[in-house]
């Protein structure tokens, strides 16, 4: 086990290093940040001085060395727009994004798993065909269109849910959490539903495929022959053995939703990391973009590691080497 952990730690470090190189090169060739920190009427001497202060007058290799050193120390610099540490800005917005993603994933699991089990156990039934048609629709519809339709129906036409904002929050361990208030839940439902539909459809189809494959195995026939109830056969025997690919997709989707909730956050004016990223891209706020990209890379490698651990809990036959 120790050997596996050491190997994964080295792999994660290498992945983050490669990402740091890509992020640095991408930032180096996407505009000059000097003009974000100097006045509009700055003289050539002032521009040259700002370039020296930012270290942009040195070679790319030297710049990357300083960039990597700062990353290791957790120093990403100050935002050009907000004049605050870029990491602080991201961490302030992270709870809003994470809670929206968690609610979206919870909705996806609660709906997708039971429907996927039913569709896999009854592949030729009319209800199963309706479920699969709905899942195909969920995959096909673009998130921005779904969000606008939900806003029109539930916020404008019926007035059931608000169309934007995060609502009231309550403090927990120094973090502002909207899930601790009724108004927060009221505001989070539409963006969470919008964000969950694609993941819901993917998990549903994966669960159905896994159940159909497992249903043909001998141990399922043996469980039925023993007289186990249909529910026990499907959920205790079938679902547990069909969960490996579902867990894989779940992990990837979780990271994907955290990283790319930008469209949903923009549509609903949700004050999360994604909206901050969009605003920073428009304003060429390089430090904030760097923090976001590196944090997303870290989230992905950590989630993949956790998924590997979960495999062993689901199926003891899997060993980590």
Protein backbone atom coordinates (compact mmCIF):
# COMPACT_ATOMS: atom_id res chain seq x y z
CA UNK A 1 0.00 0.00 0.00
CA UNK A 2 2.83 2.39 0.87
CA UNK A 3 4.46 1.70 -2.48
CA UNK A 4 1.22 2.50 -4.29
CA UNK A 5 0.77 5.75 -2.38
CA UNK A 6 4.34 6.79 -3.14
CA UNK A 7 3.88 6.00 -6.84
CA UNK A 8 0.63 7.95 -7.04
CA UNK A 9 2.20 10.89 -5.21
CA UNK A 10 5.02 10.99 -7.77
CA UNK A 11 2.50 10.74 -10.62
CA UNK A 12 0.40 13.55 -9.17
CA UNK A 13 3.48 15.73 -8.77
CA UNK A 14 4.53 15.12 -12.37
CA UNK A 15 1.05 15.92 -13.65
CA UNK A 16 0.93 19.18 -11.71
CA UNK A 17 4.40 20.09 -12.97
CA UNK A 18 3.35 19.53 -16.59
CA UNK A 19 0.22 21.61 -15.98
CA UNK A 20 2.37 24.38 -14.50
CA UNK A 21 4.52 24.44 -17.66
CA UNK A 22 1.44 24.60 -19.90
CA UNK A 23 -0.19 27.32 -17.78
CA UNK A 24 3.02 29.40 -17.72
CA UNK A 25 3.50 29.19 -21.49
CA UNK A 26 -0.16 29.92 -22.11
CA UNK A 27 -0.04 32.99 -19.88
CA UNK A 28 3.23 34.16 -21.42
CA UNK A 29 1.77 34.33 -24.92
CA UNK A 30 -1.66 35.79 -24.17
CA UNK A 31 -0.96 39.48 -23.82
CA UNK A 32 1.22 41.80 -21.80
CA UNK A 33 0.07 42.12 -18.17
CA UNK A 34 2.09 45.30 -17.70
CA UNK A 35 -0.73 47.39 -19.14
CA UNK A 36 -3.04 46.07 -16.41
CA UNK A 37 -0.92 47.58 -13.63
CA UNK A 38 0.16 50.92 -15.11
CA UNK A 39 -2.01 53.98 -15.74
CA UNK A 40 -3.39 54.58 -19.20
CA UNK A 41 -1.17 57.64 -19.61
CA UNK A 42 1.98 55.88 -18.35
CA UNK A 43 5.26 56.87 -19.94
CA UNK A 44 7.68 54.46 -21.57
CA UNK A 45 9.94 54.72 -18.52
CA UNK A 46 7.07 53.77 -16.19
CA UNK A 47 6.12 50.83 -18.42
CA UNK A 48 9.73 49.61 -18.45
CA UNK A 49 9.93 49.93 -14.67
CA UNK A 50 6.69 47.93 -14.23
CA UNK A 51 8.07 45.25 -16.54
CA UNK A 52 11.22 45.01 -14.39
CA UNK A 53 9.15 44.81 -11.19
CA UNK A 54 7.09 41.98 -12.66
CA UNK A 55 10.23 40.22 -13.86
CA UNK A 56 9.05 40.27 -17.47
CA UNK A 57 12.35 41.69 -18.71
CA UNK A 58 14.08 38.37 -17.99
CA UNK A 59 14.24 35.21 -20.09
CA UNK A 60 11.33 32.74 -20.12
CA UNK A 61 13.44 30.16 -18.28
CA UNK A 62 14.20 32.55 -15.44
CA UNK A 63 10.58 33.68 -15.34
CA UNK A 64 9.38 30.07 -15.13
CA UNK A 65 11.83 29.35 -12.31
CA UNK A 66 10.37 32.22 -10.28
CA UNK A 67 6.87 31.18 -11.29
CA UNK A 68 7.43 27.60 -10.10
CA UNK A 69 9.04 28.76 -6.85
CA UNK A 70 6.03 30.97 -6.14
CA UNK A 71 3.64 28.08 -6.86
CA UNK A 72 5.45 25.81 -4.42
CA UNK A 73 5.27 28.53 -1.77
CA UNK A 74 1.58 29.15 -2.48
CA UNK A 75 2.26 32.72 -3.60
CA UNK A 76 0.29 33.45 -6.77
CA UNK A 77 0.58 37.20 -6.57
CA UNK A 78 -2.11 39.85 -6.36
CA UNK A 79 -5.02 40.28 -8.72
CA UNK A 80 -4.44 43.09 -11.19
CA UNK A 81 -8.10 44.11 -10.91
CA UNK A 82 -9.04 43.57 -7.25
CA UNK A 83 -5.58 44.31 -5.78
CA UNK A 84 -5.94 41.34 -3.43
CA UNK A 85 -4.08 38.01 -3.26
CA UNK A 86 -5.37 35.88 -6.13
CA UNK A 87 -5.56 32.75 -3.95
CA UNK A 88 -7.73 34.58 -1.43
CA UNK A 89 -10.17 35.61 -4.16
CA UNK A 90 -10.50 32.04 -5.41
CA UNK A 91 -10.90 30.56 -1.94
CA UNK A 92 -13.61 33.11 -1.12
CA UNK A 93 -15.57 31.99 -4.19
CA UNK A 94 -14.90 28.26 -3.83
CA UNK A 95 -17.65 27.45 -1.27
CA UNK A 96 -20.32 28.82 -3.62
CA UNK A 97 -19.12 26.63 -6.49
CA UNK A 98 -18.60 23.52 -4.36
CA UNK A 99 -22.03 23.66 -2.73
CA UNK A 100 -23.75 24.09 -6.09
CA UNK A 101 -21.81 21.15 -7.53
CA UNK A 102 -22.54 18.95 -4.51
CA UNK A 103 -26.28 19.63 -4.74
CA UNK A 104 -26.16 18.95 -8.50
CA UNK A 105 -24.31 15.65 -7.98
CA UNK A 106 -26.70 14.63 -5.21
CA UNK A 107 -29.67 15.26 -7.51
CA UNK A 108 -27.98 13.31 -10.29
CA UNK A 109 -27.30 10.29 -8.06
CA UNK A 110 -30.75 10.22 -6.46
CA UNK A 111 -32.46 10.27 -9.86
CA UNK A 112 -29.99 8.43 -12.10
CA UNK A 113 -29.14 5.35 -10.03
CA UNK A 114 -32.71 4.07 -9.40
CA UNK A 115 -33.79 4.85 -12.95
CA UNK A 116 -30.65 3.22 -14.35
CA UNK A 117 -31.24 0.09 -12.28
CA UNK A 118 -34.85 -0.11 -13.43
CA UNK A 119 -33.94 0.47 -17.09
CA UNK A 120 -31.19 -2.16 -16.89
CA UNK A 121 -33.45 -4.72 -15.24
CA UNK A 122 -36.32 -4.05 -17.67
CA UNK A 123 -34.62 -3.05 -20.94
CA UNK A 124 -37.59 -3.80 -23.18
CA UNK A 125 -40.33 -2.14 -21.17
CA UNK A 126 -42.06 1.01 -22.35
CA UNK A 127 -41.01 2.93 -19.24
CA UNK A 128 -37.40 1.94 -19.85
CA UNK A 129 -37.57 3.32 -23.39
CA UNK A 130 -39.00 6.58 -22.06
CA UNK A 131 -36.21 6.78 -19.48
CA UNK A 132 -33.52 6.24 -22.12
CA UNK A 133 -35.10 8.80 -24.43
CA UNK A 134 -35.06 11.28 -21.56
CA UNK A 135 -31.41 10.53 -20.83
CA UNK A 136 -30.52 11.13 -24.48
CA UNK A 137 -32.32 14.44 -24.28
CA UNK A 138 -30.42 15.35 -21.12
CA UNK A 139 -27.09 14.69 -22.82
CA UNK A 140 -28.05 16.58 -25.98
CA UNK A 141 -29.51 19.79 -24.58
CA UNK A 142 -26.91 22.55 -24.01
CA UNK A 143 -26.65 23.75 -20.44
CA UNK A 144 -27.05 27.46 -21.25
CA UNK A 145 -30.35 26.75 -23.05
CA UNK A 146 -31.65 24.62 -20.18
CA UNK A 147 -30.72 27.37 -17.73
CA UNK A 148 -32.55 30.05 -19.71
CA UNK A 149 -35.64 27.85 -20.06
CA UNK A 150 -35.68 27.16 -16.32
CA UNK A 151 -35.32 30.87 -15.58
CA UNK A 152 -38.22 31.69 -17.90
CA UNK A 153 -40.51 29.00 -16.52
CA UNK A 154 -39.74 28.95 -12.79
CA UNK A 155 -38.56 32.53 -12.20
CA UNK A 156 -40.32 34.71 -14.76
CA UNK A 157 -43.52 32.84 -15.62
CA UNK A 158 -44.40 31.05 -12.37
CA UNK A 159 -42.23 33.00 -9.93
CA UNK A 160 -41.37 29.89 -7.92
CA UNK A 161 -37.58 30.34 -7.71
CA UNK A 162 -35.31 33.39 -7.99
CA UNK A 163 -33.40 33.81 -11.24
CA UNK A 164 -30.03 34.92 -9.90
CA UNK A 165 -27.84 35.35 -6.85
CA UNK A 166 -26.84 33.06 -4.01
CA UNK A 167 -29.32 34.13 -1.34
CA UNK A 168 -28.69 34.36 2.38
CA UNK A 169 -25.69 32.56 3.87
CA UNK A 170 -24.67 31.42 7.32
CA UNK A 171 -21.17 31.08 8.70
CA UNK A 172 -19.71 27.64 9.41
CA UNK A 173 -16.04 27.23 10.38
CA UNK A 174 -15.33 30.66 8.96
CA UNK A 175 -17.01 29.91 5.60
CA UNK A 176 -20.18 31.48 4.27
CA UNK A 177 -22.54 28.60 3.34
CA UNK A 178 -25.89 29.12 1.62
CA UNK A 179 -27.07 25.54 2.26
CA UNK A 180 -27.61 26.45 5.92
CA UNK A 181 -30.47 28.82 5.10
CA UNK A 182 -33.83 28.30 3.43
CA UNK A 183 -33.25 31.30 1.17
CA UNK A 184 -29.94 29.74 0.09
CA UNK A 185 -31.69 26.49 -0.88
CA UNK A 186 -34.31 28.54 -2.71
CA UNK A 187 -31.61 30.20 -4.83
CA UNK A 188 -29.49 27.10 -5.47
CA UNK A 189 -32.16 24.84 -6.95
CA UNK A 190 -32.31 26.20 -10.51
CA UNK A 191 -28.53 26.35 -11.10
CA UNK A 192 -28.08 22.93 -9.45
CA UNK A 193 -30.78 21.35 -11.64
CA UNK A 194 -29.24 22.94 -14.74
CA UNK A 195 -25.81 21.64 -13.80
CA UNK A 196 -27.05 18.16 -12.91
CA UNK A 197 -28.95 17.20 -16.07
CA UNK A 198 -25.98 16.19 -18.21
CA UNK A 199 -24.35 14.24 -15.39
CA UNK A 200 -27.67 12.65 -14.51
CA UNK A 201 -28.10 11.37 -18.05
CA UNK A 202 -24.54 9.99 -18.23
CA UNK A 203 -24.78 8.21 -14.86
CA UNK A 204 -28.17 6.78 -15.80
CA UNK A 205 -26.90 5.30 -19.04
CA UNK A 206 -23.76 3.91 -17.37
CA UNK A 207 -25.83 2.33 -14.60
CA UNK A 208 -28.19 0.76 -17.11
CA UNK A 209 -25.33 -0.66 -19.17
CA UNK A 210 -23.66 -2.05 -16.05
CA UNK A 211 -26.86 -3.65 -14.80
CA UNK A 212 -27.56 -5.26 -18.16
CA UNK A 213 -24.06 -6.75 -18.23
CA UNK A 214 -24.18 -7.92 -14.61
CA UNK A 215 -27.66 -9.37 -15.07
CA UNK A 216 -26.24 -12.06 -17.34
CA UNK A 217 -23.68 -13.24 -14.78
CA UNK A 218 -24.02 -16.56 -12.97
CA UNK A 219 -24.04 -15.07 -9.47
CA UNK A 220 -27.21 -13.11 -10.33
CA UNK A 221 -28.92 -16.31 -11.48
CA UNK A 222 -27.75 -18.03 -8.31
CA UNK A 223 -29.15 -15.22 -6.16
CA UNK A 224 -32.52 -15.58 -7.85
CA UNK A 225 -32.40 -19.36 -7.41
CA UNK A 226 -31.78 -18.94 -3.68
CA UNK A 227 -35.05 -17.07 -3.42
CA UNK A 228 -33.66 -13.58 -2.85
CA UNK A 229 -36.18 -10.82 -3.40
CA UNK A 230 -36.01 -8.87 -6.65
CA UNK A 231 -34.92 -5.75 -4.76
CA UNK A 232 -32.04 -7.63 -3.08
CA UNK A 233 -30.98 -9.18 -6.38
CA UNK A 234 -30.90 -5.81 -8.10
CA UNK A 235 -29.39 -3.60 -5.40
CA UNK A 236 -27.35 -5.90 -3.12
CA UNK A 237 -25.93 -8.15 -5.83
CA UNK A 238 -26.36 -6.38 -9.17
CA UNK A 239 -25.79 -2.70 -8.42
CA UNK A 240 -22.73 -3.26 -6.26
CA UNK A 241 -20.99 -5.11 -9.08
CA UNK A 242 -22.09 -2.59 -11.69
CA UNK A 243 -20.78 0.43 -9.78
CA UNK A 244 -17.12 0.37 -10.89
CA UNK A 245 -17.64 2.25 -14.20
CA UNK A 246 -20.27 4.43 -12.54
CA UNK A 247 -17.81 5.50 -9.84
CA UNK A 248 -15.24 6.32 -12.53
CA UNK A 249 -17.69 8.53 -14.40
CA UNK A 250 -18.87 10.07 -11.13
CA UNK A 251 -15.33 11.10 -10.22
CA UNK A 252 -14.66 12.59 -13.64
CA UNK A 253 -18.00 14.42 -13.67
CA UNK A 254 -17.43 15.80 -10.18
CA UNK A 255 -14.14 17.34 -11.24
CA UNK A 256 -15.63 18.47 -14.52
CA UNK A 257 -18.53 20.26 -12.84
CA UNK A 258 -16.25 22.03 -10.37
CA UNK A 259 -13.92 23.11 -13.17
CA UNK A 260 -16.45 24.02 -15.83
CA UNK A 261 -19.49 25.37 -14.00
CA UNK A 262 -18.66 28.72 -15.58
CA UNK A 263 -21.63 28.87 -17.96
CA UNK A 264 -24.16 27.99 -15.28
CA UNK A 265 -22.65 30.45 -12.82
CA UNK A 266 -22.70 33.20 -15.45
CA UNK A 267 -26.33 32.55 -16.43
CA UNK A 268 -27.56 32.59 -12.84
CA UNK A 269 -25.08 35.25 -11.60
CA UNK A 270 -23.84 32.70 -9.09
CA UNK A 271 -20.82 34.20 -7.25
CA UNK A 272 -18.54 31.18 -7.64
CA UNK A 273 -15.10 30.46 -9.07
CA UNK A 274 -16.40 30.01 -12.60
CA UNK A 275 -17.92 33.48 -12.80
CA UNK A 276 -14.73 34.93 -11.32
CA UNK A 277 -12.74 33.12 -14.02
CA UNK A 278 -14.90 34.53 -16.82
CA UNK A 279 -14.55 38.06 -15.40
CA UNK A 280 -10.79 37.57 -15.03
CA UNK A 281 -10.43 36.37 -18.63
CA UNK A 282 -12.29 39.43 -19.88
CA UNK A 283 -9.96 41.66 -17.83
CA UNK A 284 -6.77 39.66 -18.49
CA UNK A 285 -6.31 39.19 -14.75
CA UNK A 286 -3.45 36.68 -15.08
CA UNK A 287 -2.84 35.77 -11.38
CA UNK A 288 -6.48 34.76 -10.84
CA UNK A 289 -6.49 32.65 -14.01
CA UNK A 290 -3.29 30.88 -12.93
CA UNK A 291 -4.70 30.07 -9.48
CA UNK A 292 -7.90 28.72 -11.00
CA UNK A 293 -6.15 26.47 -13.51
CA UNK A 294 -3.69 25.06 -11.00
CA UNK A 295 -6.43 24.49 -8.42
CA UNK A 296 -8.57 22.68 -10.99
CA UNK A 297 -5.63 20.45 -11.93
CA UNK A 298 -5.08 19.64 -8.24
CA UNK A 299 -8.79 18.83 -7.80
CA UNK A 300 -8.73 16.42 -10.74
CA UNK A 301 -5.66 14.48 -9.59
CA UNK A 302 -7.00 14.23 -6.02
CA UNK A 303 -10.42 13.03 -7.21
CA UNK A 304 -8.82 10.39 -9.43
CA UNK A 305 -6.80 9.17 -6.47
CA UNK A 306 -9.90 8.96 -4.27
CA UNK A 307 -11.75 7.05 -7.00
CA UNK A 308 -8.99 4.43 -7.04
CA UNK A 309 -9.37 4.00 -3.28
CA UNK A 310 -13.16 3.69 -3.60
CA UNK A 311 -12.68 0.87 -6.12
CA UNK A 312 -11.19 -1.33 -3.39
CA UNK A 313 -14.11 -0.58 -1.05
CA UNK A 314 -16.64 -1.60 -3.69
CA UNK A 315 -14.80 -4.70 -4.92
CA UNK A 316 -12.31 -6.29 -2.48
CA UNK A 317 -10.85 -8.29 -5.39
CA UNK A 318 -9.21 -5.11 -6.66
CA UNK A 319 -5.77 -4.52 -5.19
CA UNK A 320 -3.69 -1.37 -5.39
CA UNK A 321 -0.17 -1.95 -6.68
